[in-house]
N, C-alpha and C. Protein backbone atom coordinates (compact mmCIF):
# COMPACT_ATOMS: atom_id res chain seq x y z
N MET A 1 35.15 47.07 38.96
CA MET A 1 34.46 46.81 40.31
C MET A 1 35.15 45.71 41.00
N SER A 2 35.42 45.97 42.39
CA SER A 2 35.96 44.87 43.15
C SER A 2 34.91 43.83 43.61
N PRO A 3 35.47 42.62 43.95
CA PRO A 3 34.42 41.62 44.33
C PRO A 3 33.77 42.05 45.41
N ALA A 4 34.11 42.80 46.26
CA ALA A 4 33.42 43.22 47.65
C ALA A 4 32.42 44.22 47.22
N ALA A 5 32.43 44.90 46.12
CA ALA A 5 31.52 45.84 45.84
C ALA A 5 30.27 45.36 45.06
N THR A 6 30.22 44.10 44.65
CA THR A 6 29.18 43.48 43.90
C THR A 6 27.87 43.60 44.79
N PRO A 7 26.63 43.48 44.23
CA PRO A 7 25.38 43.58 44.90
C PRO A 7 25.25 42.35 45.66
N ARG A 8 25.71 41.21 45.10
CA ARG A 8 25.61 39.94 45.97
C ARG A 8 26.44 39.99 47.29
N ALA A 9 27.60 40.54 47.14
CA ALA A 9 28.50 40.62 48.48
C ALA A 9 27.93 41.67 49.31
N LYS A 10 27.35 42.75 48.96
CA LYS A 10 26.84 43.57 49.71
C LYS A 10 25.40 43.12 50.45
N ALA A 11 24.65 42.53 49.74
CA ALA A 11 23.44 41.87 50.31
C ALA A 11 23.87 40.76 51.47
N ARG A 12 24.94 40.01 51.21
CA ARG A 12 25.24 39.01 52.19
C ARG A 12 26.03 39.75 53.32
N ARG A 13 26.69 40.78 53.24
CA ARG A 13 27.32 41.61 54.24
C ARG A 13 26.19 42.13 55.15
N PHE A 14 25.12 42.65 54.57
CA PHE A 14 23.97 43.18 55.24
C PHE A 14 23.21 42.07 56.07
N ALA A 15 23.15 40.93 55.49
CA ALA A 15 22.65 39.74 56.20
C ALA A 15 23.44 39.41 57.34
N TYR A 16 24.66 39.28 57.31
CA TYR A 16 25.57 39.14 58.40
C TYR A 16 25.46 40.28 59.49
N TYR A 17 25.37 41.49 59.02
CA TYR A 17 25.16 42.42 59.95
C TYR A 17 23.87 42.33 60.84
N ALA A 18 22.82 41.99 60.10
CA ALA A 18 21.51 41.80 60.63
C ALA A 18 21.47 40.74 61.65
N LEU A 19 22.15 39.65 61.21
CA LEU A 19 22.34 38.36 62.22
C LEU A 19 23.01 38.70 63.44
N LEU A 20 24.09 39.56 63.39
CA LEU A 20 24.65 39.96 64.57
C LEU A 20 23.78 40.75 65.38
N LEU A 21 23.14 41.69 64.72
CA LEU A 21 22.16 42.60 65.57
C LEU A 21 21.08 41.72 66.28
N CYS A 22 20.60 40.53 65.55
CA CYS A 22 19.63 39.71 66.06
C CYS A 22 20.22 39.09 67.34
N ALA A 23 21.40 38.56 67.28
CA ALA A 23 22.00 37.84 68.50
C ALA A 23 22.27 38.96 69.60
N LEU A 24 22.63 40.24 69.26
CA LEU A 24 22.71 41.12 70.28
C LEU A 24 21.30 41.57 71.04
N THR A 25 20.37 41.54 70.14
CA THR A 25 19.15 41.99 70.77
C THR A 25 18.42 40.73 71.66
N VAL A 26 18.82 39.57 71.13
CA VAL A 26 18.41 38.29 72.04
C VAL A 26 19.11 38.39 73.23
N THR A 27 20.26 38.67 73.20
CA THR A 27 21.05 38.75 74.50
C THR A 27 20.62 39.80 75.23
N ALA A 28 20.16 41.05 74.76
CA ALA A 28 19.73 42.22 75.65
C ALA A 28 18.43 41.77 76.20
N ALA A 29 17.56 41.08 75.38
CA ALA A 29 16.21 40.69 75.96
C ALA A 29 16.33 39.68 77.13
N VAL A 30 17.34 38.74 77.02
CA VAL A 30 17.44 37.79 78.15
C VAL A 30 18.02 38.45 79.34
N VAL A 31 18.86 39.36 79.26
CA VAL A 31 19.52 40.18 80.32
C VAL A 31 18.30 41.03 81.04
N SER A 32 17.52 41.70 80.13
CA SER A 32 16.50 42.42 80.63
C SER A 32 15.45 41.56 81.35
N PHE A 33 15.03 40.43 80.85
CA PHE A 33 14.08 39.57 81.56
C PHE A 33 14.55 39.05 82.89
N THR A 34 15.91 38.58 82.84
CA THR A 34 16.50 38.11 84.13
C THR A 34 16.70 39.22 85.18
N ARG A 35 16.63 40.43 84.81
CA ARG A 35 16.69 41.54 85.75
C ARG A 35 15.28 41.82 86.18
N GLY A 36 14.27 41.38 85.60
CA GLY A 36 12.95 41.61 85.93
C GLY A 36 12.38 42.68 85.26
N ASN A 37 13.04 43.32 84.26
CA ASN A 37 12.50 44.37 83.44
C ASN A 37 11.75 44.12 82.27
N TRP A 38 10.57 44.54 82.25
CA TRP A 38 9.70 44.10 80.89
C TRP A 38 9.85 44.87 79.83
N LEU A 39 10.99 45.68 79.76
CA LEU A 39 11.50 46.18 78.52
C LEU A 39 12.02 45.24 77.51
N GLY A 40 12.24 44.11 77.92
CA GLY A 40 12.66 42.96 77.17
C GLY A 40 11.87 42.78 76.04
N ILE A 41 10.50 43.02 76.09
CA ILE A 41 9.65 42.71 75.12
C ILE A 41 9.95 43.55 73.97
N VAL A 42 10.52 44.81 74.09
CA VAL A 42 11.01 45.55 72.92
C VAL A 42 12.19 44.92 72.32
N TRP A 43 12.95 44.35 73.07
CA TRP A 43 14.22 43.66 72.56
C TRP A 43 13.85 42.60 71.69
N VAL A 44 12.84 41.69 72.27
CA VAL A 44 12.11 40.53 71.44
C VAL A 44 11.69 41.04 70.08
N LEU A 45 11.12 42.08 70.08
CA LEU A 45 10.30 42.70 68.74
C LEU A 45 11.53 43.19 67.83
N LEU A 46 12.52 43.74 68.38
CA LEU A 46 13.56 44.10 67.53
C LEU A 46 14.37 42.90 66.93
N ALA A 47 14.53 41.85 67.87
CA ALA A 47 15.13 40.57 67.33
C ALA A 47 14.43 39.93 66.18
N GLY A 48 13.03 40.01 66.32
CA GLY A 48 12.16 39.50 65.22
C GLY A 48 12.37 40.35 63.83
N LEU A 49 12.46 41.61 64.10
CA LEU A 49 12.63 42.54 62.94
C LEU A 49 14.00 42.20 62.41
N SER A 50 15.04 42.08 63.06
CA SER A 50 16.40 42.02 62.46
C SER A 50 16.50 40.61 61.86
N SER A 51 15.84 39.69 62.50
CA SER A 51 15.90 38.32 61.80
C SER A 51 15.15 38.24 60.44
N ASN A 52 14.15 39.00 60.32
CA ASN A 52 13.40 39.14 59.09
C ASN A 52 14.28 39.90 57.97
N VAL A 53 15.03 40.99 58.43
CA VAL A 53 15.92 41.66 57.60
C VAL A 53 17.08 40.82 57.07
N ALA A 54 17.61 39.88 58.08
CA ALA A 54 18.71 39.00 57.79
C ALA A 54 18.22 38.05 56.71
N TRP A 55 17.03 37.50 56.86
CA TRP A 55 16.42 36.55 55.92
C TRP A 55 16.08 37.10 54.56
N TYR A 56 15.77 38.39 54.62
CA TYR A 56 15.54 39.02 53.19
C TYR A 56 16.90 39.26 52.48
N TYR A 57 17.84 39.82 53.18
CA TYR A 57 19.08 40.07 52.63
C TYR A 57 19.97 38.63 52.22
N LEU A 58 19.62 37.59 52.93
CA LEU A 58 20.19 36.42 52.63
C LEU A 58 19.58 35.81 51.21
N ARG A 59 18.28 35.89 51.28
CA ARG A 59 17.65 35.53 49.86
C ARG A 59 17.88 36.30 48.78
N ARG A 60 18.14 37.62 49.11
CA ARG A 60 18.49 38.55 47.91
C ARG A 60 19.90 38.36 47.37
N SER A 61 20.76 37.94 48.31
CA SER A 61 22.12 37.58 47.79
C SER A 61 22.20 36.20 47.02
N ARG A 62 21.31 35.43 47.35
CA ARG A 62 21.39 34.11 46.63
C ARG A 62 20.66 34.26 45.36
N ALA A 63 19.67 35.17 45.22
CA ALA A 63 18.96 35.39 43.89
C ALA A 63 19.85 36.23 43.04
N ALA A 64 20.93 37.08 43.59
CA ALA A 64 21.74 37.80 42.70
C ALA A 64 22.71 36.97 41.94
């Protein structure tokens, strides 16, 4: 098994992807709100969800 295929590495990779998604959704929310579009609320909710996923996988990688 290669080092990149370990459960700890996979969990850490998922955490980084979720953090990237969180940053993108926060950016989308800011752009949406500055344009006066209330759809930014959905982006804020997605940012919260993705940050929770990132936190979960980061803790999972530390525990492994």
